[in-house]
Amino acid sequence: MLVGNGIVDTKGEPKFAVQTLRHAAASLFIEQGWNPKKIQTLLGHATIGMTMDTYGHLFDSAEEDLTMFAKLESDLLAA
């Protein structure tokens, strides 16, 4: 099963380092919209800063930023 899925070669040697698989998992969590604090806990990072320093660029979404700023502007003008 591991050979068939490309995780190990025919000799049973891993094709990917554990850190590579960990990074892939974190990237998928972010893509799925998981909360950064939850990802921090799962990865065992001591601080949220460590998580954001490593994976923060994956959370960026210009489209989402524009929506957030538009809402902020709307809320401020309504106050």
PDB file of N, CA and C in Angstrom:
ATOM      1  N   MET A   1       0.823  -1.187   0.000  1.00  0.00           N
ATOM      2  CA  MET A   1       0.000   0.000   0.000  1.00  0.00           C
ATOM      3  C   MET A   1       0.879   1.267   0.000  1.00  0.00           C
ATOM      4  N   LEU A   2       1.926   1.301   0.821  1.00  0.00           N
ATOM      5  CA  LEU A   2       2.802   2.466   0.857  1.00  0.00           C
ATOM      6  C   LEU A   2       3.556   2.628  -0.454  1.00  0.00           C
ATOM      7  N   VAL A   3       3.982   1.511  -1.045  1.00  0.00           N
ATOM      8  CA  VAL A   3       4.683   1.559  -2.334  1.00  0.00           C
ATOM      9  C   VAL A   3       3.708   2.037  -3.403  1.00  0.00           C
ATOM     10  N   GLY A   4       2.526   1.470  -3.414  1.00  0.00           N
ATOM     11  CA  GLY A   4       1.514   1.823  -4.414  1.00  0.00           C
ATOM     12  C   GLY A   4       1.099   3.278  -4.360  1.00  0.00           C
ATOM     13  N   ASN A   5       1.126   3.843  -3.167  1.00  0.00           N
ATOM     14  CA  ASN A   5       0.757   5.248  -3.009  1.00  0.00           C
ATOM     15  C   ASN A   5       1.953   6.185  -3.124  1.00  0.00           C
ATOM     16  N   GLY A   6       3.129   5.634  -3.398  1.00  0.00           N
ATOM     17  CA  GLY A   6       4.312   6.449  -3.618  1.00  0.00           C
ATOM     18  C   GLY A   6       4.932   7.037  -2.361  1.00  0.00           C
ATOM     19  N   ILE A   7       4.636   6.450  -1.204  1.00  0.00           N
ATOM     20  CA  ILE A   7       5.190   6.965   0.051  1.00  0.00           C
ATOM     21  C   ILE A   7       6.565   6.372   0.320  1.00  0.00           C
ATOM     22  N   VAL A   8       6.758   5.121  -0.069  1.00  0.00           N
ATOM     23  CA  VAL A   8       8.072   4.482   0.044  1.00  0.00           C
ATOM     24  C   VAL A   8       8.444   3.907  -1.315  1.00  0.00           C
ATOM     25  N   ASP A   9       9.756   3.706  -1.516  1.00  0.00           N
ATOM     26  CA  ASP A   9      10.189   3.093  -2.769  1.00  0.00           C
ATOM     27  C   ASP A   9      10.065   1.570  -2.652  1.00  0.00           C
ATOM     28  N   THR A  10      10.472   0.878  -3.678  1.00  0.00           N
ATOM     29  CA  THR A  10      10.322  -0.580  -3.697  1.00  0.00           C
ATOM     30  C   THR A  10      11.163  -1.279  -2.633  1.00  0.00           C
ATOM     31  N   LYS A  11      12.172  -0.598  -2.087  1.00  0.00           N
ATOM     32  CA  LYS A  11      12.995  -1.161  -1.013  1.00  0.00           C
ATOM     33  C   LYS A  11      12.427  -0.842   0.370  1.00  0.00           C
ATOM     34  N   GLY A  12      11.315  -0.092   0.391  1.00  0.00           N
ATOM     35  CA  GLY A  12      10.703   0.277   1.661  1.00  0.00           C
ATOM     36  C   GLY A  12      11.273   1.544   2.278  1.00  0.00           C
ATOM     37  N   GLU A  13      12.136   2.224   1.524  1.00  0.00           N
ATOM     38  CA  GLU A  13      12.719   3.475   2.026  1.00  0.00           C
ATOM     39  C   GLU A  13      11.743   4.631   1.792  1.00  0.00           C
ATOM     40  N   PRO A  14      11.584   5.496   2.795  1.00  0.00           N
ATOM     41  CA  PRO A  14      10.663   6.624   2.625  1.00  0.00           C
ATOM     42  C   PRO A  14      11.116   7.562   1.516  1.00  0.00           C
ATOM     43  N   LYS A  15      10.153   8.035   0.746  1.00  0.00           N
ATOM     44  CA  LYS A  15      10.449   8.974  -0.330  1.00  0.00           C
ATOM     45  C   LYS A  15      10.426  10.420   0.163  1.00  0.00           C
ATOM     46  N   PHE A  16       9.826  10.637   1.309  1.00  0.00           N
ATOM     47  CA  PHE A  16       9.681  11.986   1.847  1.00  0.00           C
ATOM     48  C   PHE A  16      10.143  12.013   3.296  1.00  0.00           C
ATOM     49  N   ALA A  17      10.763  13.114   3.691  1.00  0.00           N
ATOM     50  CA  ALA A  17      11.148  13.300   5.085  1.00  0.00           C
ATOM     51  C   ALA A  17       9.893  13.591   5.907  1.00  0.00           C
ATOM     52  N   VAL A  18       9.932  13.258   7.167  1.00  0.00           N
ATOM     53  CA  VAL A  18       8.797  13.521   8.055  1.00  0.00           C
ATOM     54  C   VAL A  18       8.439  15.003   8.025  1.00  0.00           C
ATOM     55  N   GLN A  19       9.454  15.864   8.007  1.00  0.00           N
ATOM     56  CA  GLN A  19       9.206  17.308   7.990  1.00  0.00           C
ATOM     57  C   GLN A  19       8.453  17.720   6.726  1.00  0.00           C
ATOM     58  N   THR A  20       8.729  17.077   5.616  1.00  0.00           N
ATOM     59  CA  THR A  20       8.026  17.379   4.364  1.00  0.00           C
ATOM     60  C   THR A  20       6.549  17.018   4.477  1.00  0.00           C
ATOM     61  N   LEU A  21       6.270  15.855   5.058  1.00  0.00           N
ATOM     62  CA  LEU A  21       4.885  15.430   5.241  1.00  0.00           C
ATOM     63  C   LEU A  21       4.153  16.338   6.228  1.00  0.00           C
ATOM     64  N   ARG A  22       4.880  16.781   7.254  1.00  0.00           N
ATOM     65  CA  ARG A  22       4.311  17.690   8.262  1.00  0.00           C
ATOM     66  C   ARG A  22       3.938  19.023   7.604  1.00  0.00           C
ATOM     67  N   HIS A  23       4.833  19.545   6.767  1.00  0.00           N
ATOM     68  CA  HIS A  23       4.563  20.804   6.077  1.00  0.00           C
ATOM     69  C   HIS A  23       3.374  20.646   5.120  1.00  0.00           C
ATOM     70  N   ALA A  24       3.323  19.524   4.439  1.00  0.00           N
ATOM     71  CA  ALA A  24       2.200  19.264   3.526  1.00  0.00           C
ATOM     72  C   ALA A  24       0.883  19.229   4.297  1.00  0.00           C
ATOM     73  N   ALA A  25       0.886  18.579   5.451  1.00  0.00           N
ATOM     74  CA  ALA A  25      -0.327  18.507   6.271  1.00  0.00           C
ATOM     75  C   ALA A  25      -0.748  19.900   6.726  1.00  0.00           C
ATOM     76  N   ALA A  26       0.207  20.693   7.212  1.00  0.00           N
ATOM     77  CA  ALA A  26      -0.106  22.050   7.663  1.00  0.00           C
ATOM     78  C   ALA A  26      -0.681  22.873   6.509  1.00  0.00           C
ATOM     79  N   SER A  27      -0.101  22.736   5.336  1.00  0.00           N
ATOM     80  CA  SER A  27      -0.586  23.465   4.159  1.00  0.00           C
ATOM     81  C   SER A  27      -2.016  23.070   3.824  1.00  0.00           C
ATOM     82  N   LEU A  28      -2.320  21.792   3.927  1.00  0.00           N
ATOM     83  CA  LEU A  28      -3.686  21.325   3.663  1.00  0.00           C
ATOM     84  C   LEU A  28      -4.665  21.830   4.717  1.00  0.00           C
ATOM     85  N   PHE A  29      -4.236  21.871   5.989  1.00  0.00           N
ATOM     86  CA  PHE A  29      -5.093  22.412   7.047  1.00  0.00           C
ATOM     87  C   PHE A  29      -5.450  23.864   6.734  1.00  0.00           C
ATOM     88  N   ILE A  30      -4.455  24.632   6.315  1.00  0.00           N
ATOM     89  CA  ILE A  30      -4.672  26.045   5.995  1.00  0.00           C
ATOM     90  C   ILE A  30      -5.612  26.171   4.810  1.00  0.00           C
ATOM     91  N   GLU A  31      -5.377  25.358   3.799  1.00  0.00           N
ATOM     92  CA  GLU A  31      -6.241  25.378   2.606  1.00  0.00           C
ATOM     93  C   GLU A  31      -7.688  25.056   2.960  1.00  0.00           C
ATOM     94  N   GLN A  32      -7.876  24.200   3.959  1.00  0.00           N
ATOM     95  CA  GLN A  32      -9.216  23.821   4.403  1.00  0.00           C
ATOM     96  C   GLN A  32      -9.861  24.879   5.295  1.00  0.00           C
ATOM     97  N   GLY A  33      -9.093  25.935   5.637  1.00  0.00           N
ATOM     98  CA  GLY A  33      -9.651  27.023   6.435  1.00  0.00           C
ATOM     99  C   GLY A  33      -9.547  26.835   7.936  1.00  0.00           C
ATOM    100  N   TRP A  34      -8.659  25.939   8.369  1.00  0.00           N
ATOM    101  CA  TRP A  34      -8.502  25.717   9.809  1.00  0.00           C
ATOM    102  C   TRP A  34      -7.952  26.962  10.475  1.00  0.00           C
ATOM    103  N   ASN A  35      -8.345  27.163  11.711  1.00  0.00           N
ATOM    104  CA  ASN A  35      -7.892  28.275  12.529  1.00  0.00           C
ATOM    105  C   ASN A  35      -6.396  28.140  12.823  1.00  0.00           C
ATOM    106  N   PRO A  36      -5.633  29.237  12.695  1.00  0.00           N
ATOM    107  CA  PRO A  36      -4.190  29.166  12.961  1.00  0.00           C
ATOM    108  C   PRO A  36      -3.846  28.645  14.357  1.00  0.00           C
ATOM    109  N   LYS A  37      -4.661  28.978  15.345  1.00  0.00           N
ATOM    110  CA  LYS A  37      -4.396  28.518  16.714  1.00  0.00           C
ATOM    111  C   LYS A  37      -4.522  26.995  16.796  1.00  0.00           C
ATOM    112  N   LYS A  38      -5.481  26.439  16.090  1.00  0.00           N
ATOM    113  CA  LYS A  38      -5.656  24.986  16.079  1.00  0.00           C
ATOM    114  C   LYS A  38      -4.445  24.321  15.399  1.00  0.00           C
ATOM    115  N   ILE A  39      -3.986  24.922  14.324  1.00  0.00           N
ATOM    116  CA  ILE A  39      -2.822  24.392  13.613  1.00  0.00           C
ATOM    117  C   ILE A  39      -1.598  24.459  14.517  1.00  0.00           C
ATOM    118  N   GLN A  40      -1.441  25.567  15.248  1.00  0.00           N
ATOM    119  CA  GLN A  40      -0.336  25.694  16.198  1.00  0.00           C
ATOM    120  C   GLN A  40      -0.346  24.536  17.187  1.00  0.00           C
ATOM    121  N   THR A  41      -1.509  24.250  17.736  1.00  0.00           N
ATOM    122  CA  THR A  41      -1.640  23.180  18.719  1.00  0.00           C
ATOM    123  C   THR A  41      -1.299  21.824  18.116  1.00  0.00           C
ATOM    124  N   LEU A  42      -1.822  21.553  16.938  1.00  0.00           N
ATOM    125  CA  LEU A  42      -1.564  20.268  16.289  1.00  0.00           C
ATOM    126  C   LEU A  42      -0.085  20.072  15.956  1.00  0.00           C
ATOM    127  N   LEU A  43       0.575  21.154  15.549  1.00  0.00           N
ATOM    128  CA  LEU A  43       1.978  21.060  15.176  1.00  0.00           C
ATOM    129  C   LEU A  43       2.911  21.116  16.383  1.00  0.00           C
ATOM    130  N   GLY A  44       2.358  21.523  17.531  1.00  0.00           N
ATOM    131  CA  GLY A  44       3.166  21.590  18.736  1.00  0.00           C
ATOM    132  C   GLY A  44       4.071  22.807  18.801  1.00  0.00           C
ATOM    133  N   HIS A  45       3.729  23.851  18.065  1.00  0.00           N
ATOM    134  CA  HIS A  45       4.516  25.072  18.113  1.00  0.00           C
ATOM    135  C   HIS A  45       4.307  25.758  19.462  1.00  0.00           C
ATOM    136  N   ALA A  46       5.382  26.310  20.030  1.00  0.00           N
ATOM    137  CA  ALA A  46       5.319  26.961  21.339  1.00  0.00           C
ATOM    138  C   ALA A  46       4.488  28.239  21.298  1.00  0.00           C
ATOM    139  N   THR A  47       4.520  28.931  20.162  1.00  0.00           N
ATOM    140  CA  THR A  47       3.791  30.193  20.040  1.00  0.00           C
ATOM    141  C   THR A  47       3.073  30.267  18.700  1.00  0.00           C
ATOM    142  N   ILE A  48       2.051  31.117  18.658  1.00  0.00           N
ATOM    143  CA  ILE A  48       1.353  31.336  17.396  1.00  0.00           C
ATOM    144  C   ILE A  48       2.279  32.060  16.418  1.00  0.00           C
ATOM    145  N   GLY A  49       3.213  32.846  16.967  1.00  0.00           N
ATOM    146  CA  GLY A  49       4.190  33.538  16.123  1.00  0.00           C
ATOM    147  C   GLY A  49       5.024  32.562  15.320  1.00  0.00           C
ATOM    148  N   MET A  50       5.386  31.465  15.941  1.00  0.00           N
ATOM    149  CA  MET A  50       6.178  30.437  15.244  1.00  0.00           C
ATOM    150  C   MET A  50       5.381  29.860  14.077  1.00  0.00           C
ATOM    151  N   THR A  51       4.117  29.596  14.324  1.00  0.00           N
ATOM    152  CA  THR A  51       3.249  29.057  13.274  1.00  0.00           C
ATOM    153  C   THR A  51       3.095  30.067  12.143  1.00  0.00           C
ATOM    154  N   MET A  52       2.845  31.323  12.501  1.00  0.00           N
ATOM    155  CA  MET A  52       2.631  32.344  11.482  1.00  0.00           C
ATOM    156  C   MET A  52       3.923  32.688  10.746  1.00  0.00           C
ATOM    157  N   ASP A  53       5.061  32.633  11.444  1.00  0.00           N
ATOM    158  CA  ASP A  53       6.332  32.877  10.764  1.00  0.00           C
ATOM    159  C   ASP A  53       6.602  31.808   9.709  1.00  0.00           C
ATOM    160  N   THR A  54       6.189  30.591  10.000  1.00  0.00           N
ATOM    161  CA  THR A  54       6.431  29.479   9.090  1.00  0.00           C
ATOM    162  C   THR A  54       5.382  29.380   7.988  1.00  0.00           C
ATOM    163  N   TYR A  55       4.120  29.562   8.349  1.00  0.00           N
ATOM    164  CA  TYR A  55       3.028  29.307   7.402  1.00  0.00           C
ATOM    165  C   TYR A  55       2.165  30.526   7.083  1.00  0.00           C
ATOM    166  N   GLY A  56       2.501  31.673   7.648  1.00  0.00           N
ATOM    167  CA  GLY A  56       1.673  32.867   7.486  1.00  0.00           C
ATOM    168  C   GLY A  56       1.395  33.240   6.041  1.00  0.00           C
ATOM    169  N   HIS A  57       2.382  33.049   5.179  1.00  0.00           N
ATOM    170  CA  HIS A  57       2.189  33.407   3.765  1.00  0.00           C
ATOM    171  C   HIS A  57       1.088  32.579   3.108  1.00  0.00           C
ATOM    172  N   LEU A  58       0.791  31.433   3.666  1.00  0.00           N
ATOM    173  CA  LEU A  58      -0.254  30.586   3.090  1.00  0.00           C
ATOM    174  C   LEU A  58      -1.656  31.053   3.470  1.00  0.00           C
ATOM    175  N   PHE A  59      -1.754  31.886   4.508  1.00  0.00           N
ATOM    176  CA  PHE A  59      -3.051  32.411   4.929  1.00  0.00           C
ATOM    177  C   PHE A  59      -3.460  33.623   4.107  1.00  0.00           C
ATOM    178  N   ASP A  60      -2.498  34.259   3.440  1.00  0.00           N
ATOM    179  CA  ASP A  60      -2.786  35.487   2.713  1.00  0.00           C
ATOM    180  C   ASP A  60      -3.794  35.255   1.597  1.00  0.00           C
ATOM    181  N   SER A  61      -4.743  36.156   1.541  1.00  0.00           N
ATOM    182  CA  SER A  61      -5.734  36.121   0.475  1.00  0.00           C
ATOM    183  C   SER A  61      -6.127  37.561   0.171  1.00  0.00           C
ATOM    184  N   ALA A  62      -5.639  38.078  -0.912  1.00  0.00           N
ATOM    185  CA  ALA A  62      -5.927  39.469  -1.276  1.00  0.00           C
ATOM    186  C   ALA A  62      -7.424  39.714  -1.385  1.00  0.00           C
ATOM    187  N   GLU A  63      -8.143  38.763  -1.931  1.00  0.00           N
ATOM    188  CA  GLU A  63      -9.590  38.889  -2.074  1.00  0.00           C
ATOM    189  C   GLU A  63     -10.257  39.018  -0.706  1.00  0.00           C
ATOM    190  N   GLU A  64      -9.834  38.180   0.224  1.00  0.00           N
ATOM    191  CA  GLU A  64     -10.378  38.207   1.579  1.00  0.00           C
ATOM    192  C   GLU A  64     -10.017  39.519   2.274  1.00  0.00           C
ATOM    193  N   ASP A  65      -8.795  39.998   2.066  1.00  0.00           N
ATOM    194  CA  ASP A  65      -8.372  41.268   2.656  1.00  0.00           C
ATOM    195  C   ASP A  65      -9.262  42.410   2.181  1.00  0.00           C
ATOM    196  N   LEU A  66      -9.557  42.446   0.883  1.00  0.00           N
ATOM    197  CA  LEU A  66     -10.416  43.500   0.343  1.00  0.00           C
ATOM    198  C   LEU A  66     -11.801  43.456   0.966  1.00  0.00           C
ATOM    199  N   THR A  67     -12.334  42.268   1.139  1.00  0.00           N
ATOM    200  CA  THR A  67     -13.645  42.106   1.762  1.00  0.00           C
ATOM    201  C   THR A  67     -13.620  42.595   3.208  1.00  0.00           C
ATOM    202  N   MET A  68     -12.552  42.244   3.938  1.00  0.00           N
ATOM    203  CA  MET A  68     -12.431  42.660   5.330  1.00  0.00           C
ATOM    204  C   MET A  68     -12.315  44.177   5.446  1.00  0.00           C
ATOM    205  N   PHE A  69     -11.519  44.803   4.567  1.00  0.00           N
ATOM    206  CA  PHE A  69     -11.376  46.258   4.610  1.00  0.00           C
ATOM    207  C   PHE A  69     -12.686  46.954   4.227  1.00  0.00           C
ATOM    208  N   ALA A  70     -13.412  46.406   3.282  1.00  0.00           N
ATOM    209  CA  ALA A  70     -14.699  46.980   2.889  1.00  0.00           C
ATOM    210  C   ALA A  70     -15.681  46.922   4.068  1.00  0.00           C
ATOM    211  N   LYS A  71     -15.695  45.817   4.788  1.00  0.00           N
ATOM    212  CA  LYS A  71     -16.571  45.690   5.952  1.00  0.00           C
ATOM    213  C   LYS A  71     -16.151  46.665   7.039  1.00  0.00           C
ATOM    214  N   LEU A  72     -14.857  46.788   7.272  1.00  0.00           N
ATOM    215  CA  LEU A  72     -14.351  47.734   8.272  1.00  0.00           C
ATOM    216  C   LEU A  72     -14.769  49.146   7.926  1.00  0.00           C
ATOM    217  N   GLU A  73     -14.612  49.524   6.669  1.00  0.00           N
ATOM    218  CA  GLU A  73     -15.001  50.859   6.229  1.00  0.00           C
ATOM    219  C   GLU A  73     -16.499  51.075   6.432  1.00  0.00           C
ATOM    220  N   SER A  74     -17.291  50.107   6.053  1.00  0.00           N
ATOM    221  CA  SER A  74     -18.730  50.180   6.208  1.00  0.00           C
ATOM    222  C   SER A  74     -19.133  50.335   7.674  1.00  0.00           C
ATOM    223  N   ASP A  75     -18.497  49.539   8.539  1.00  0.00           N
ATOM    224  CA  ASP A  75     -18.804  49.610   9.970  1.00  0.00           C
ATOM    225  C   ASP A  75     -18.407  50.957  10.561  1.00  0.00           C
ATOM    226  N   LEU A  76     -17.258  51.494  10.123  1.00  0.00           N
ATOM    227  CA  LEU A  76     -16.806  52.774  10.648  1.00  0.00           C
ATOM    228  C   LEU A  76     -17.729  53.916  10.193  1.00  0.00           C
ATOM    229  N   LEU A  77     -18.165  53.850   8.960  1.00  0.00           N
ATOM    230  CA  LEU A  77     -19.057  54.897   8.438  1.00  0.00           C
ATOM    231  C   LEU A  77     -20.436  54.816   9.072  1.00  0.00           C
ATOM    232  N   ALA A  78     -20.849  53.640   9.482  1.00  0.00           N
ATOM    233  CA  ALA A  78     -22.167  53.464  10.098  1.00  0.00           C
ATOM    234  C   ALA A  78     -22.159  53.909  11.556  1.00  0.00           C
ATOM    235  N   ALA A  79     -20.995  54.010  12.167  1.00  0.00           N
ATOM    236  CA  ALA A  79     -20.902  54.353  13.594  1.00  0.00           C
ATOM    237  C   ALA A  79     -21.159  55.819  13.854  1.00  0.00           C
TER     238      ALA A  79
END
